[in-house]
Amino acid sequence: MYKKLIWLVVNKKIEVPKTYRKEIRKGIYYIKKYSLKSHLRRIESTKSVQEYLRSLSGKIAYILMINKNNQEFQKYKLEIDKIRK
């Protein structure tokens, strides 16, 4: 049995829902494969490049706040920080 709080799943440990993490993985994948601008056109985003990167960075930071030891999202954070510079 599990309980879902606001964007948290409490099972044996507190975790961000799989769908939330999957959405971020998908965004990172398409940025790597097609480039950031192409990805934004593909998803028909109205956000600027910097706004989208800030949003993605914030979502990754949220996941790392819940689970600091998540190596996958630590790697994503470094990749996004590199793109933002």
C-alpha atoms as a PDB file:
ATOM      1  CA  MET A   1       0.000   0.000   0.000  1.00  0.00           C
ATOM      2  CA  TYR A   2       1.216   3.514  -0.727  1.00  0.00           C
ATOM      3  CA  LYS A   3      -0.011   7.025  -0.168  1.00  0.00           C
ATOM      4  CA  LYS A   4       0.399   9.836  -2.640  1.00  0.00           C
ATOM      5  CA  LEU A   5       0.929  13.312  -1.251  1.00  0.00           C
ATOM      6  CA  ILE A   6       1.458  16.423  -3.335  1.00  0.00           C
ATOM      7  CA  TRP A   7       3.971  15.071  -5.877  1.00  0.00           C
ATOM      8  CA  LEU A   8       5.346  12.568  -3.346  1.00  0.00           C
ATOM      9  CA  VAL A   9       4.793   8.856  -3.008  1.00  0.00           C
ATOM     10  CA  VAL A  10       5.199   7.411   0.462  1.00  0.00           C
ATOM     11  CA  ASN A  11       5.808   3.701   0.236  1.00  0.00           C
ATOM     12  CA  LYS A  12       8.812   2.171   1.976  1.00  0.00           C
ATOM     13  CA  LYS A  13      10.593   5.454   1.307  1.00  0.00           C
ATOM     14  CA  ILE A  14       9.547   8.905   0.147  1.00  0.00           C
ATOM     15  CA  GLU A  15       9.863   9.252  -3.621  1.00  0.00           C
ATOM     16  CA  VAL A  16       8.773  11.567  -6.404  1.00  0.00           C
ATOM     17  CA  PRO A  17       6.174   9.830  -8.644  1.00  0.00           C
ATOM     18  CA  LYS A  18       7.533   7.808 -11.543  1.00  0.00           C
ATOM     19  CA  THR A  19       5.539   9.827 -14.090  1.00  0.00           C
ATOM     20  CA  TYR A  20       7.189  13.078 -12.922  1.00  0.00           C
ATOM     21  CA  ARG A  21      10.687  11.559 -13.199  1.00  0.00           C
ATOM     22  CA  LYS A  22       9.851  10.013 -16.573  1.00  0.00           C
ATOM     23  CA  GLU A  23       8.772  13.403 -17.981  1.00  0.00           C
ATOM     24  CA  ILE A  24      12.131  14.913 -16.998  1.00  0.00           C
ATOM     25  CA  ARG A  25      14.058  11.978 -18.496  1.00  0.00           C
ATOM     26  CA  LYS A  26      12.117  12.419 -21.723  1.00  0.00           C
ATOM     27  CA  GLY A  27      12.983  16.118 -21.889  1.00  0.00           C
ATOM     28  CA  ILE A  28      16.688  15.443 -21.291  1.00  0.00           C
ATOM     29  CA  TYR A  29      16.681  12.689 -23.915  1.00  0.00           C
ATOM     30  CA  TYR A  30      15.156  14.907 -26.609  1.00  0.00           C
ATOM     31  CA  ILE A  31      17.480  17.806 -25.777  1.00  0.00           C
ATOM     32  CA  LYS A  32      20.453  15.484 -26.253  1.00  0.00           C
ATOM     33  CA  LYS A  33      19.090  13.870 -29.396  1.00  0.00           C
ATOM     34  CA  TYR A  34      17.621  16.846 -31.283  1.00  0.00           C
ATOM     35  CA  SER A  35      19.023  19.973 -29.529  1.00  0.00           C
ATOM     36  CA  LEU A  36      17.252  22.269 -27.127  1.00  0.00           C
ATOM     37  CA  LYS A  37      15.691  24.623 -29.678  1.00  0.00           C
ATOM     38  CA  SER A  38      14.425  21.752 -31.794  1.00  0.00           C
ATOM     39  CA  HIS A  39      12.918  20.118 -28.704  1.00  0.00           C
ATOM     40  CA  LEU A  40      11.122  23.333 -27.742  1.00  0.00           C
ATOM     41  CA  ARG A  41       9.662  23.628 -31.256  1.00  0.00           C
ATOM     42  CA  ARG A  42       8.615  19.973 -31.162  1.00  0.00           C
ATOM     43  CA  ILE A  43       6.702  20.352 -27.888  1.00  0.00           C
ATOM     44  CA  GLU A  44       5.351  23.737 -29.039  1.00  0.00           C
ATOM     45  CA  SER A  45       6.624  25.454 -25.902  1.00  0.00           C
ATOM     46  CA  THR A  46       5.916  29.133 -25.415  1.00  0.00           C
ATOM     47  CA  LYS A  47       8.814  29.395 -22.954  1.00  0.00           C
ATOM     48  CA  SER A  48      12.141  30.899 -23.929  1.00  0.00           C
ATOM     49  CA  VAL A  49      15.223  28.673 -23.851  1.00  0.00           C
ATOM     50  CA  GLN A  50      16.321  30.135 -20.510  1.00  0.00           C
ATOM     51  CA  GLU A  51      12.836  29.785 -18.970  1.00  0.00           C
ATOM     52  CA  TYR A  52      12.634  26.145 -20.045  1.00  0.00           C
ATOM     53  CA  LEU A  53      16.097  25.379 -18.648  1.00  0.00           C
ATOM     54  CA  ARG A  54      15.243  27.093 -15.342  1.00  0.00           C
ATOM     55  CA  SER A  55      12.046  25.078 -15.126  1.00  0.00           C
ATOM     56  CA  LEU A  56      13.829  21.811 -15.885  1.00  0.00           C
ATOM     57  CA  SER A  57      16.589  22.683 -13.426  1.00  0.00           C
ATOM     58  CA  GLY A  58      13.998  23.399 -10.719  1.00  0.00           C
ATOM     59  CA  LYS A  59      12.269  20.064 -11.282  1.00  0.00           C
ATOM     60  CA  ILE A  60      15.598  18.248 -11.029  1.00  0.00           C
ATOM     61  CA  ALA A  61      16.436  20.191  -7.854  1.00  0.00           C
ATOM     62  CA  TYR A  62      13.084  19.135  -6.368  1.00  0.00           C
ATOM     63  CA  ILE A  63      13.848  15.466  -7.027  1.00  0.00           C
ATOM     64  CA  LEU A  64      17.311  15.858  -5.509  1.00  0.00           C
ATOM     65  CA  MET A  65      15.809  17.587  -2.470  1.00  0.00           C
ATOM     66  CA  ILE A  66      13.689  14.475  -1.849  1.00  0.00           C
ATOM     67  CA  ASN A  67      16.428  11.983  -2.726  1.00  0.00           C
ATOM     68  CA  LYS A  68      19.912  13.530  -2.535  1.00  0.00           C
ATOM     69  CA  ASN A  69      21.605  10.260  -3.527  1.00  0.00           C
ATOM     70  CA  ASN A  70      19.877   9.899  -6.890  1.00  0.00           C
ATOM     71  CA  GLN A  71      22.907   9.650  -9.175  1.00  0.00           C
ATOM     72  CA  GLU A  72      20.865   9.762 -12.378  1.00  0.00           C
ATOM     73  CA  PHE A  73      19.371  13.152 -11.556  1.00  0.00           C
ATOM     74  CA  GLN A  74      22.678  14.456 -10.189  1.00  0.00           C
ATOM     75  CA  LYS A  75      24.082  13.743 -13.659  1.00  0.00           C
ATOM     76  CA  TYR A  76      21.113  15.516 -15.291  1.00  0.00           C
ATOM     77  CA  LYS A  77      21.692  18.546 -13.052  1.00  0.00           C
ATOM     78  CA  LEU A  78      25.302  18.791 -14.225  1.00  0.00           C
ATOM     79  CA  GLU A  79      24.222  18.472 -17.869  1.00  0.00           C
ATOM     80  CA  ILE A  80      21.588  21.211 -17.552  1.00  0.00           C
ATOM     81  CA  ASP A  81      24.031  23.476 -15.694  1.00  0.00           C
ATOM     82  CA  LYS A  82      26.505  22.998 -18.547  1.00  0.00           C
ATOM     83  CA  ILE A  83      23.861  23.955 -21.139  1.00  0.00           C
ATOM     84  CA  ARG A  84      22.775  27.021 -19.123  1.00  0.00           C
ATOM     85  CA  LYS A  85      26.288  28.517 -19.198  1.00  0.00           C
END
